[in-house]
Structure formats: structure tokens, C-alpha cells
Amino acid sequence: MTLVAALGSLPIAQVGPAERFWPQWRGPYATGISRTATPPLEWSETRNIRWKREIPGRGSGSPVVWGDRIFLMSAVPVGVDGGAAHESRASLQPRDVHRFVVMAIDRRTGRTVWERTAQEERPRQPSMKDGTWASSSPITDGQRVYVNETGNPGMATAGAGDVLAGILAAYLAACFTGIEPTWTPFEASISAVYVHGLAGDLAVAETGRRGMIASDLVRFLSTAQSRLH
């Protein structure tokens, strides 16, 4: 995997931090649009490139940006070196043990500021031929970087999104009414997403990926909720 930084001016300071940066997938407004960024309209290997560097492993999530830091995720096969570490390993059985890493990259220079291993294990779910086991994106509030390790392909079923919407509504209500007085709306939202994915992981162990329906998520919500706390 290669990370490329395009030349462009830094965001202006008149708007809030979350709007000036790219803190989540699809940006500050979840639209794929920034109202302050001025990226180049064209680039190549030699044009409008500030730096370029190799990233270990394989990932397809969206990097997120806050200040002078770029945060990204990658799945790095243990004991595999060179170009093979960047190739798809979806068809291999048994699956390789992978390090699921989160990296902070200096936005100006491309150097690694820090690298953390969130988990080291064999992938629990299959991957598409050209996919990766690091396909989700981190999210940041400028204080912390959050990575969600839950969820599985069986959750791509009718009604699963409605279950998530209900959890989000309940958690935000708990935040605003004081039932969970320590939560911010941001924390309520990421907690809801985590519990939704964990309920799916608990359900798939019983139903299998092909047999899961939305009501299975509901059945496992209380167990997932108890693990949150």
C-alpha cells in the first residue's frame, strides 16, 4: 500500500476544527466535500506531489486528517515480507495471522509519528478477492483516534441499518437527557456503532453469515450492551 500526499494549502482557521480537517470517512459533513480545503485539481508521479511513502501491509479504508497528522489502518501479515505483504491473501487457507495496525503519519513530511497494533490474530471474517481486512476507516475528535473492530458480512441484510438507527437514537437520547451524563454526542454515536457491530458478531456465531436477519441483531443487543460497560 502506498500513501501519496498532494500539494495544497492548509485549511483556514475561521471555522471549527472538525470542519477544517477530515476527521471521518467522507469528511466533516459525511458528503465527501470540504468547504475549506484547496487541493490540486490534477497530479501525477511528478506533479503536485509533496511526498510519497510505502505503508506496510494492505488496507483500503479512508485515511483521516486532524491538524498535521494523518491516521490510517492496515492489515499486515505476520512473517511476510516485501511485495507479498501488499498482495491479496483472501484465498489462502488457513488465513495468515495479521497485525491490525493504526498509524499516525506527519502530514508535512510523510514520516511515521507512531504505530500501534490494535490486534494480532487470524482474520475472523472472509475478504473479497481484491479487498482487505483493513477496509474500515478510523475516526478522530482531535483528542483520540477510534477504530471499530466489530461487524461482519452477514450484517448486509435488510433492516440492519434500521437497527443501527434505533440504537443511535436511543444513545443520543440518553446523552441529551442525562441518563448517560458522561457521554458527549460523539461518544454516544461511536458507542452505538460499536454495540451494533458487536451484536452482529454475536449473532453470526449462531446463525452464520447467510442466515442472519435484522431481528437477530436485536436479540443480542443486551449482551453487546453489557460488554460496552
Protein backbone atom coordinates (compact mmCIF):
# COMPACT_ATOMS: atom_id res chain seq x y z
CA MET A 1 0.00 0.00 0.00
CA THR A 2 1.31 3.45 -0.91
CA LEU A 3 0.29 6.76 0.65
CA VAL A 4 0.58 9.87 -1.51
CA ALA A 5 0.21 13.44 -0.24
CA ALA A 6 -0.86 16.04 -2.79
CA LEU A 7 0.26 19.64 -2.55
CA GLY A 8 -2.32 22.14 -1.37
CA SER A 9 -2.75 24.96 1.08
CA LEU A 10 -3.58 24.20 4.71
CA PRO A 11 -7.17 24.82 5.90
CA ILE A 12 -8.16 28.28 7.07
CA ALA A 13 -8.65 28.91 10.79
CA GLN A 14 -12.00 30.73 10.77
CA VAL A 15 -14.16 27.61 11.09
CA GLY A 16 -14.33 24.90 13.76
CA PRO A 17 -11.61 22.22 13.95
CA ALA A 18 -13.83 19.36 12.80
CA GLU A 19 -14.78 21.36 9.70
CA ARG A 20 -11.20 22.36 8.87
CA PHE A 21 -9.96 18.78 8.81
CA TRP A 22 -11.10 15.38 7.55
CA PRO A 23 -11.98 13.53 10.79
CA GLN A 24 -14.01 10.65 9.38
CA TRP A 25 -14.95 8.72 6.27
CA ARG A 26 -16.39 11.12 3.67
CA GLY A 27 -15.15 14.14 5.60
CA PRO A 28 -16.59 16.59 8.13
CA TYR A 29 -20.12 16.66 6.70
CA ALA A 30 -20.24 13.00 5.56
CA THR A 31 -20.63 14.27 1.99
CA GLY A 32 -17.13 13.81 0.61
CA ILE A 33 -16.83 17.61 0.39
CA SER A 34 -14.70 20.11 2.30
CA ARG A 35 -15.68 23.79 2.36
CA THR A 36 -12.17 24.96 3.23
CA ALA A 37 -9.63 22.68 1.52
CA THR A 38 -7.93 23.72 -1.73
CA PRO A 39 -6.40 20.54 -3.14
CA PRO A 40 -4.78 20.46 -6.59
CA LEU A 41 -7.10 19.55 -9.45
CA GLU A 42 -4.51 17.34 -11.15
CA TRP A 43 -1.44 15.40 -10.14
CA SER A 44 0.91 12.69 -11.35
CA GLU A 45 4.07 10.93 -10.18
CA THR A 46 5.95 14.22 -10.52
CA ARG A 47 3.30 16.95 -10.44
CA ASN A 48 1.77 18.42 -7.27
CA ILE A 49 3.16 15.64 -5.02
CA ARG A 50 4.61 16.66 -1.67
CA TRP A 51 5.78 13.19 -0.64
CA LYS A 52 5.15 9.51 -1.26
CA ARG A 53 5.86 6.55 1.01
CA GLU A 54 5.23 2.85 1.40
CA ILE A 55 2.80 1.68 4.07
CA PRO A 56 3.20 -1.85 5.50
CA GLY A 57 0.53 -4.41 4.69
CA ARG A 58 -2.72 -3.84 2.87
CA GLY A 59 -5.64 -1.52 3.58
CA SER A 60 -8.45 0.19 1.70
CA GLY A 61 -10.03 2.45 4.31
CA SER A 62 -10.05 6.23 4.07
CA PRO A 63 -7.20 7.99 5.91
CA VAL A 64 -8.45 10.72 8.23
CA VAL A 65 -6.74 14.03 8.96
CA TRP A 66 -6.57 16.29 12.01
CA GLY A 67 -4.03 19.08 12.23
CA ASP A 68 -0.69 17.89 10.93
CA ARG A 69 -1.49 14.19 11.42
CA ILE A 70 -2.85 11.60 9.00
CA PHE A 71 -4.32 8.48 10.64
CA LEU A 72 -4.81 5.23 8.74
CA MET A 73 -5.26 1.50 9.23
CA SER A 74 -3.57 -1.51 7.65
CA ALA A 75 -3.60 -5.30 7.98
CA VAL A 76 -0.02 -6.58 7.99
CA PRO A 77 0.53 -10.35 7.51
CA VAL A 78 2.96 -11.64 10.12
CA GLY A 79 6.14 -13.17 8.72
CA VAL A 80 5.51 -11.99 5.15
CA ASP A 81 8.00 -9.53 3.68
CA GLY A 82 8.41 -7.45 0.56
CA GLY A 83 5.78 -7.10 -2.11
CA ALA A 84 3.93 -10.22 -0.95
CA ALA A 85 2.75 -8.31 2.14
CA HIS A 86 0.77 -5.97 -0.16
CA GLU A 87 -0.92 -8.71 -2.18
CA SER A 88 -4.40 -10.06 -1.56
CA ARG A 89 -4.33 -13.11 0.71
CA ALA A 90 -8.09 -13.66 0.75
CA SER A 91 -7.92 -17.09 -0.91
CA LEU A 92 -5.28 -18.56 1.42
CA GLN A 93 -6.31 -21.20 3.93
CA PRO A 94 -5.65 -21.20 6.76
CA ARG A 95 -5.61 -17.40 6.93
CA ASP A 96 -2.36 -15.77 7.94
CA VAL A 97 -2.05 -14.14 11.33
CA HIS A 98 -2.20 -10.37 10.77
CA ARG A 99 -1.24 -7.34 12.79
CA PHE A 100 -4.06 -4.83 12.59
CA VAL A 101 -2.19 -1.56 12.90
CA VAL A 102 -3.15 2.09 13.29
CA MET A 103 -0.57 4.62 12.10
CA ALA A 104 -0.08 8.34 12.55
CA ILE A 105 1.77 9.99 9.67
CA ASP A 106 3.20 13.51 9.68
CA ARG A 107 1.18 15.38 7.09
CA ARG A 108 4.04 17.64 6.05
CA THR A 109 6.88 15.13 5.75
CA GLY A 110 5.34 11.65 5.47
CA ARG A 111 7.31 10.23 8.38
CA THR A 112 5.71 7.82 10.85
CA VAL A 113 4.90 9.61 14.13
CA TRP A 114 3.64 6.46 15.81
CA GLU A 115 2.34 2.99 15.02
CA ARG A 116 0.12 0.90 17.30
CA THR A 117 -1.03 -2.71 16.92
CA ALA A 118 -4.72 -2.86 17.81
CA GLN A 119 -4.86 -6.65 17.49
CA GLU A 120 -2.78 -9.57 16.26
CA GLU A 121 -4.86 -12.55 15.16
CA ARG A 122 -6.15 -14.53 12.20
CA PRO A 123 -8.93 -12.63 10.41
CA ARG A 124 -12.28 -13.88 11.66
CA GLN A 125 -14.20 -12.99 8.51
CA PRO A 126 -13.60 -13.68 4.81
CA SER A 127 -12.41 -10.98 2.45
CA MET A 128 -13.32 -10.34 -1.16
CA LYS A 129 -10.65 -11.22 -3.72
CA ASP A 130 -9.43 -7.64 -4.11
CA GLY A 131 -10.48 -6.49 -0.64
CA THR A 132 -8.55 -6.14 2.57
CA TRP A 133 -9.03 -6.90 6.24
CA ALA A 134 -8.43 -3.22 6.95
CA SER A 135 -11.26 -1.78 4.89
CA SER A 136 -12.88 0.37 7.56
CA SER A 137 -11.77 3.90 8.39
CA PRO A 138 -10.70 5.35 11.74
CA ILE A 139 -12.38 8.42 13.19
CA THR A 140 -10.95 11.16 15.39
CA ASP A 141 -12.21 14.04 17.50
CA GLY A 142 -8.75 15.59 17.74
CA GLN A 143 -8.19 14.02 21.16
CA ARG A 144 -8.33 10.31 20.39
CA VAL A 145 -8.38 8.01 17.37
CA TYR A 146 -11.15 5.40 17.37
CA VAL A 147 -11.08 2.09 15.50
CA ASN A 148 -14.09 -0.23 15.31
CA GLU A 149 -13.18 -3.90 15.09
CA THR A 150 -16.76 -5.21 15.07
CA GLY A 151 -19.10 -6.17 12.24
CA ASN A 152 -19.26 -8.87 9.56
CA PRO A 153 -20.69 -9.50 6.06
CA GLY A 154 -23.83 -11.13 7.48
CA MET A 155 -24.97 -7.69 8.62
CA ALA A 156 -25.55 -6.69 4.98
CA THR A 157 -29.20 -7.66 5.37
CA ALA A 158 -32.47 -5.78 5.14
CA GLY A 159 -33.29 -3.90 8.33
CA ALA A 160 -29.79 -3.94 9.84
CA GLY A 161 -29.41 -0.22 9.17
CA ASP A 162 -32.75 0.43 10.87
CA VAL A 163 -31.45 -1.35 13.96
CA LEU A 164 -28.41 0.93 13.95
CA ALA A 165 -30.63 4.00 13.57
CA GLY A 166 -32.63 2.90 16.60
CA ILE A 167 -29.52 2.36 18.71
CA LEU A 168 -28.17 5.77 17.70
CA ALA A 169 -31.44 7.46 18.60
CA ALA A 170 -31.54 5.74 21.99
CA TYR A 171 -27.93 6.54 22.85
CA LEU A 172 -28.21 10.16 21.78
CA ALA A 173 -31.39 10.48 23.85
CA ALA A 174 -29.53 9.03 26.84
CA CYS A 175 -26.81 11.61 26.27
CA PHE A 176 -29.12 14.63 25.96
CA THR A 177 -31.47 13.66 28.81
CA GLY A 178 -28.68 12.92 31.30
CA ILE A 179 -29.24 9.17 31.56
CA GLU A 180 -25.59 8.86 30.48
CA PRO A 181 -24.27 12.16 31.86
CA THR A 182 -20.62 11.46 30.97
CA TRP A 183 -21.30 10.93 27.26
CA THR A 184 -20.84 13.56 24.60
CA PRO A 185 -22.91 13.17 21.40
CA PHE A 186 -19.74 11.99 19.67
CA GLU A 187 -19.14 9.29 22.30
CA ALA A 188 -22.80 8.24 22.20
CA SER A 189 -22.58 7.80 18.43
CA ILE A 190 -19.38 5.74 18.36
CA SER A 191 -20.71 3.59 21.22
CA ALA A 192 -23.87 2.89 19.24
CA VAL A 193 -21.88 1.82 16.19
CA TYR A 194 -19.69 -0.45 18.31
CA VAL A 195 -22.64 -2.14 20.02
CA HIS A 196 -24.41 -2.63 16.68
CA GLY A 197 -21.36 -4.37 15.22
CA LEU A 198 -20.76 -6.45 18.34
CA ALA A 199 -24.39 -7.63 18.32
CA GLY A 200 -23.82 -8.71 14.73
CA ASP A 201 -20.69 -10.64 15.68
CA LEU A 202 -22.54 -12.40 18.49
CA ALA A 203 -25.45 -13.21 16.19
CA VAL A 204 -23.34 -14.56 13.33
CA ALA A 205 -21.77 -17.15 15.63
CA GLU A 206 -25.25 -18.65 15.99
CA THR A 207 -26.87 -18.03 12.60
CA GLY A 208 -23.97 -17.96 10.17
CA ARG A 209 -23.48 -15.15 7.66
CA ARG A 210 -26.14 -16.35 5.22
CA GLY A 211 -28.82 -16.92 7.82
CA MET A 212 -28.69 -13.63 9.75
CA ILE A 213 -31.68 -11.29 9.73
CA ALA A 214 -32.17 -7.94 11.44
CA SER A 215 -34.10 -9.37 14.39
CA ASP A 216 -31.04 -11.45 15.27
CA LEU A 217 -29.18 -8.21 15.95
CA VAL A 218 -31.96 -7.12 18.29
CA ARG A 219 -31.78 -10.43 20.19
CA PHE A 220 -28.11 -9.87 21.01
CA LEU A 221 -28.25 -6.15 21.81
CA SER A 222 -28.47 -6.57 25.58
CA THR A 223 -25.42 -8.84 25.64
CA ALA A 224 -23.48 -6.43 23.45
CA GLN A 225 -24.60 -3.53 25.64
CA SER A 226 -23.31 -5.26 28.77
CA ARG A 227 -19.89 -5.70 27.17
CA LEU A 228 -19.75 -1.99 26.34
CA HIS A 229 -19.69 -1.14 30.03
